[in-house]
Amino acid sequence: MEVVSSLIIGMLAGILVGIVPLIVAVQRDKVGLGIGGFFASALSGALCGLLLALPIAGLFTWMATRAPHPAGALLVSSHDAGGVYPRGEDPRRREQIICGR
């Protein structure tokens, strides 16, 4: 019974920590990465508790903030006045988005 309760508590801790990469990734339109981070944190929390869940959540959060925009967010050249902007992006940042910065 002690092992089962340890697994459940670890998984709950991993779920709580895994919410962070999920929210960050969804805000940046990288839902798949967020869901993967959530489940990876939950599983690693069940196996090793916060010792492994925290670094996994941190890794997925970092990947969500560093990964380039999805293919649909790539823009036409910065001199094209009729270009389509990604959701909520400032038109002055178009060159940075195209270059992946």
N, C-alpha and C. Protein backbone atom coordinates (compact mmCIF):
# COMPACT_ATOMS: atom_id res chain seq x y z
N MET A 1 0.82 -1.19 0.00
CA MET A 1 0.00 0.00 0.00
C MET A 1 0.86 1.26 0.00
N GLU A 2 2.03 1.16 0.63
CA GLU A 2 2.92 2.30 0.70
C GLU A 2 3.46 2.68 -0.68
N VAL A 3 3.74 1.69 -1.51
CA VAL A 3 4.23 1.95 -2.86
C VAL A 3 3.16 2.62 -3.71
N VAL A 4 1.94 2.16 -3.59
CA VAL A 4 0.84 2.73 -4.37
C VAL A 4 0.60 4.18 -3.98
N SER A 5 0.60 4.46 -2.69
CA SER A 5 0.39 5.84 -2.25
C SER A 5 1.54 6.73 -2.68
N SER A 6 2.75 6.20 -2.69
CA SER A 6 3.91 6.96 -3.16
C SER A 6 3.78 7.29 -4.65
N LEU A 7 3.32 6.31 -5.43
CA LEU A 7 3.12 6.54 -6.86
C LEU A 7 2.04 7.59 -7.12
N ILE A 8 0.96 7.51 -6.36
CA ILE A 8 -0.15 8.46 -6.55
C ILE A 8 0.27 9.87 -6.16
N ILE A 9 0.95 10.01 -5.03
CA ILE A 9 1.41 11.33 -4.60
C ILE A 9 2.42 11.89 -5.59
N GLY A 10 3.34 11.06 -6.06
CA GLY A 10 4.31 11.50 -7.06
C GLY A 10 3.65 11.92 -8.35
N MET A 11 2.63 11.17 -8.78
CA MET A 11 1.93 11.52 -10.01
C MET A 11 1.18 12.84 -9.84
N LEU A 12 0.55 13.04 -8.69
CA LEU A 12 -0.15 14.31 -8.45
C LEU A 12 0.83 15.49 -8.46
N ALA A 13 2.00 15.28 -7.88
CA ALA A 13 3.02 16.33 -7.92
C ALA A 13 3.47 16.59 -9.35
N GLY A 14 3.64 15.53 -10.13
CA GLY A 14 4.03 15.69 -11.53
C GLY A 14 2.95 16.37 -12.34
N ILE A 15 1.69 16.11 -12.04
CA ILE A 15 0.59 16.76 -12.74
C ILE A 15 0.58 18.25 -12.43
N LEU A 16 0.77 18.59 -11.15
CA LEU A 16 0.79 20.01 -10.78
C LEU A 16 1.95 20.74 -11.46
N VAL A 17 3.10 20.11 -11.51
CA VAL A 17 4.25 20.72 -12.17
C VAL A 17 4.05 20.74 -13.69
N GLY A 18 3.41 19.71 -14.23
CA GLY A 18 3.22 19.60 -15.68
C GLY A 18 2.23 20.60 -16.24
N ILE A 19 1.46 21.24 -15.39
CA ILE A 19 0.52 22.26 -15.87
C ILE A 19 1.28 23.46 -16.43
N VAL A 20 2.45 23.75 -15.89
CA VAL A 20 3.23 24.91 -16.34
C VAL A 20 3.61 24.79 -17.82
N PRO A 21 4.29 23.71 -18.26
CA PRO A 21 4.62 23.64 -19.69
C PRO A 21 3.38 23.56 -20.57
N LEU A 22 2.30 22.98 -20.05
CA LEU A 22 1.07 22.91 -20.83
C LEU A 22 0.52 24.30 -21.10
N ILE A 23 0.45 25.13 -20.09
CA ILE A 23 -0.08 26.49 -20.26
C ILE A 23 0.83 27.32 -21.15
N VAL A 24 2.14 27.24 -20.92
CA VAL A 24 3.08 28.02 -21.72
C VAL A 24 3.01 27.61 -23.19
N ALA A 25 2.96 26.33 -23.46
CA ALA A 25 2.94 25.85 -24.84
C ALA A 25 1.62 26.19 -25.53
N VAL A 26 0.51 26.10 -24.82
CA VAL A 26 -0.78 26.44 -25.43
C VAL A 26 -0.82 27.92 -25.78
N GLN A 27 -0.26 28.76 -24.93
CA GLN A 27 -0.22 30.20 -25.22
C GLN A 27 0.62 30.50 -26.46
N ARG A 28 1.56 29.64 -26.77
CA ARG A 28 2.43 29.85 -27.93
C ARG A 28 2.05 28.97 -29.12
N ASP A 29 0.84 28.45 -29.11
CA ASP A 29 0.31 27.61 -30.19
C ASP A 29 1.16 26.36 -30.45
N LYS A 30 1.66 25.77 -29.40
CA LYS A 30 2.42 24.52 -29.50
C LYS A 30 1.77 23.48 -28.59
N VAL A 31 0.53 23.16 -28.91
CA VAL A 31 -0.30 22.32 -28.05
C VAL A 31 0.31 20.93 -27.87
N GLY A 32 0.81 20.34 -28.94
CA GLY A 32 1.39 19.00 -28.86
C GLY A 32 2.57 18.94 -27.90
N LEU A 33 3.40 19.95 -27.93
CA LEU A 33 4.54 20.02 -27.03
C LEU A 33 4.06 20.18 -25.58
N GLY A 34 3.02 20.95 -25.38
CA GLY A 34 2.48 21.14 -24.04
C GLY A 34 1.87 19.87 -23.47
N ILE A 35 1.13 19.15 -24.30
CA ILE A 35 0.53 17.90 -23.85
C ILE A 35 1.61 16.86 -23.55
N GLY A 36 2.62 16.82 -24.39
CA GLY A 36 3.74 15.91 -24.14
C GLY A 36 4.46 16.24 -22.84
N GLY A 37 4.68 17.52 -22.58
CA GLY A 37 5.32 17.93 -21.33
C GLY A 37 4.48 17.61 -20.11
N PHE A 38 3.17 17.77 -20.26
CA PHE A 38 2.27 17.47 -19.15
C PHE A 38 2.33 15.99 -18.78
N PHE A 39 2.19 15.12 -19.78
CA PHE A 39 2.20 13.69 -19.50
C PHE A 39 3.59 13.18 -19.11
N ALA A 40 4.64 13.77 -19.68
CA ALA A 40 5.99 13.37 -19.29
C ALA A 40 6.26 13.75 -17.83
N SER A 41 5.78 14.92 -17.42
CA SER A 41 5.95 15.33 -16.02
C SER A 41 5.14 14.45 -15.08
N ALA A 42 3.93 14.10 -15.49
CA ALA A 42 3.09 13.24 -14.65
C ALA A 42 3.72 11.86 -14.50
N LEU A 43 4.21 11.29 -15.59
CA LEU A 43 4.83 9.97 -15.53
C LEU A 43 6.13 10.00 -14.73
N SER A 44 6.96 11.00 -14.99
CA SER A 44 8.21 11.08 -14.24
C SER A 44 7.97 11.39 -12.77
N GLY A 45 6.89 12.12 -12.47
CA GLY A 45 6.54 12.35 -11.08
C GLY A 45 6.14 11.06 -10.38
N ALA A 46 5.42 10.20 -11.08
CA ALA A 46 5.03 8.92 -10.50
C ALA A 46 6.25 8.04 -10.26
N LEU A 47 7.24 8.11 -11.14
CA LEU A 47 8.41 7.25 -11.01
C LEU A 47 9.42 7.76 -9.98
N CYS A 48 9.72 9.07 -10.04
CA CYS A 48 10.78 9.60 -9.17
C CYS A 48 10.36 10.83 -8.38
N GLY A 49 9.09 11.17 -8.39
CA GLY A 49 8.63 12.34 -7.65
C GLY A 49 9.10 13.64 -8.30
N LEU A 50 9.20 14.67 -7.48
CA LEU A 50 9.60 15.98 -8.00
C LEU A 50 11.06 16.00 -8.45
N LEU A 51 11.84 15.03 -8.01
CA LEU A 51 13.25 14.98 -8.41
C LEU A 51 13.40 14.90 -9.92
N LEU A 52 12.50 14.23 -10.59
CA LEU A 52 12.54 14.12 -12.04
C LEU A 52 11.46 14.98 -12.72
N ALA A 53 10.34 15.20 -12.06
CA ALA A 53 9.23 15.94 -12.68
C ALA A 53 9.59 17.40 -12.91
N LEU A 54 10.30 18.02 -11.97
CA LEU A 54 10.67 19.43 -12.13
C LEU A 54 11.61 19.66 -13.32
N PRO A 55 12.69 18.88 -13.46
CA PRO A 55 13.54 19.09 -14.64
C PRO A 55 12.83 18.80 -15.97
N ILE A 56 11.96 17.80 -15.99
CA ILE A 56 11.22 17.49 -17.21
C ILE A 56 10.29 18.66 -17.56
N ALA A 57 9.57 19.19 -16.58
CA ALA A 57 8.69 20.33 -16.82
C ALA A 57 9.49 21.55 -17.27
N GLY A 58 10.64 21.75 -16.65
CA GLY A 58 11.50 22.87 -17.07
C GLY A 58 12.00 22.71 -18.49
N LEU A 59 12.36 21.50 -18.86
CA LEU A 59 12.83 21.24 -20.22
C LEU A 59 11.73 21.52 -21.25
N PHE A 60 10.53 21.02 -20.99
CA PHE A 60 9.45 21.23 -21.94
C PHE A 60 9.02 22.70 -21.98
N THR A 61 9.07 23.39 -20.86
CA THR A 61 8.76 24.82 -20.85
C THR A 61 9.79 25.58 -21.67
N TRP A 62 11.06 25.24 -21.50
CA TRP A 62 12.12 25.89 -22.26
C TRP A 62 11.95 25.60 -23.76
N MET A 63 11.62 24.35 -24.11
CA MET A 63 11.42 24.01 -25.52
C MET A 63 10.24 24.78 -26.10
N ALA A 64 9.20 24.99 -25.31
CA ALA A 64 8.04 25.73 -25.81
C ALA A 64 8.37 27.19 -26.05
N THR A 65 9.26 27.75 -25.25
CA THR A 65 9.61 29.15 -25.45
C THR A 65 10.67 29.33 -26.53
N ARG A 66 11.44 28.31 -26.80
CA ARG A 66 12.53 28.42 -27.78
C ARG A 66 12.21 27.84 -29.16
N ALA A 67 11.24 26.98 -29.24
CA ALA A 67 10.93 26.34 -30.52
C ALA A 67 10.40 27.39 -31.50
N PRO A 68 10.73 27.27 -32.78
CA PRO A 68 10.22 28.23 -33.75
C PRO A 68 8.71 28.14 -33.87
N HIS A 69 8.14 29.18 -34.41
CA HIS A 69 6.69 29.22 -34.59
C HIS A 69 6.25 28.08 -35.51
N PRO A 70 5.01 27.63 -35.37
CA PRO A 70 4.50 26.59 -36.26
C PRO A 70 4.57 27.03 -37.72
N ALA A 71 4.52 26.08 -38.63
CA ALA A 71 4.68 26.38 -40.05
C ALA A 71 3.65 27.39 -40.54
N GLY A 72 2.47 27.39 -39.99
CA GLY A 72 1.43 28.33 -40.41
C GLY A 72 1.74 29.76 -40.03
N ALA A 73 2.69 29.97 -39.13
CA ALA A 73 3.00 31.31 -38.67
C ALA A 73 4.10 31.96 -39.49
N LEU A 74 4.73 31.21 -40.39
CA LEU A 74 5.77 31.82 -41.21
C LEU A 74 5.16 32.87 -42.12
N LEU A 75 5.89 33.92 -42.31
CA LEU A 75 5.35 35.06 -43.04
C LEU A 75 6.06 35.25 -44.36
N VAL A 76 5.42 36.03 -45.20
CA VAL A 76 6.02 36.44 -46.45
C VAL A 76 7.07 37.49 -46.12
N SER A 77 7.81 37.98 -47.10
CA SER A 77 8.89 38.92 -46.82
C SER A 77 8.39 40.12 -46.03
N SER A 78 9.30 40.76 -45.32
CA SER A 78 8.92 41.86 -44.45
C SER A 78 8.48 43.09 -45.23
N HIS A 79 8.71 43.12 -46.54
CA HIS A 79 8.32 44.27 -47.36
C HIS A 79 6.95 44.09 -47.99
N ASP A 80 6.35 42.95 -47.77
CA ASP A 80 5.03 42.68 -48.34
C ASP A 80 3.96 43.30 -47.46
N ALA A 81 3.28 44.31 -47.96
CA ALA A 81 2.28 45.02 -47.16
C ALA A 81 1.02 44.18 -46.96
N GLY A 82 0.79 43.21 -47.83
CA GLY A 82 -0.42 42.42 -47.74
C GLY A 82 -0.23 41.10 -47.03
N GLY A 83 0.86 40.95 -46.29
CA GLY A 83 1.15 39.69 -45.62
C GLY A 83 0.16 39.37 -44.52
N VAL A 84 0.10 38.10 -44.17
CA VAL A 84 -0.80 37.65 -43.11
C VAL A 84 0.01 37.54 -41.83
N TYR A 85 -0.49 38.15 -40.78
CA TYR A 85 0.23 38.13 -39.51
C TYR A 85 -0.28 36.99 -38.64
N PRO A 86 0.62 36.37 -37.89
CA PRO A 86 0.17 35.36 -36.95
C PRO A 86 -0.70 36.00 -35.88
N ARG A 87 -1.45 35.19 -35.20
CA ARG A 87 -2.35 35.68 -34.17
C ARG A 87 -1.61 36.51 -33.13
N GLY A 88 -2.03 37.75 -32.97
CA GLY A 88 -1.51 38.60 -31.92
C GLY A 88 -0.10 39.12 -32.11
N GLU A 89 0.51 38.92 -33.26
CA GLU A 89 1.88 39.37 -33.46
C GLU A 89 1.90 40.82 -33.93
N ASP A 90 2.91 41.51 -33.51
CA ASP A 90 3.13 42.88 -33.92
C ASP A 90 3.79 42.87 -35.31
N PRO A 91 3.27 43.62 -36.27
CA PRO A 91 3.86 43.62 -37.61
C PRO A 91 5.32 44.03 -37.63
N ARG A 92 5.77 44.79 -36.64
CA ARG A 92 7.17 45.21 -36.61
C ARG A 92 8.10 44.05 -36.26
N ARG A 93 7.58 42.96 -35.74
CA ARG A 93 8.39 41.81 -35.36
C ARG A 93 8.46 40.77 -36.45
N ARG A 94 7.98 41.05 -37.63
CA ARG A 94 7.88 40.03 -38.68
C ARG A 94 9.24 39.44 -39.04
N GLU A 95 10.28 40.27 -39.15
CA GLU A 95 11.58 39.73 -39.53
C GLU A 95 12.12 38.81 -38.46
N GLN A 96 11.88 39.11 -37.21
CA GLN A 96 12.34 38.24 -36.13
C GLN A 96 11.65 36.90 -36.17
N ILE A 97 10.36 36.88 -36.52
CA ILE A 97 9.62 35.63 -36.58
C ILE A 97 10.14 34.76 -37.72
N ILE A 98 10.39 35.38 -38.86
CA ILE A 98 10.86 34.62 -40.02
C ILE A 98 12.24 34.02 -39.73
N CYS A 99 13.09 34.79 -39.05
CA CYS A 99 14.44 34.32 -38.76
C CYS A 99 14.49 33.37 -37.58
N GLY A 100 13.39 33.21 -36.86
CA GLY A 100 13.33 32.30 -35.74
C GLY A 100 13.89 32.88 -34.45
N ARG A 101 14.00 34.18 -34.35
CA ARG A 101 14.48 34.81 -33.11
C ARG A 101 13.36 35.20 -32.22
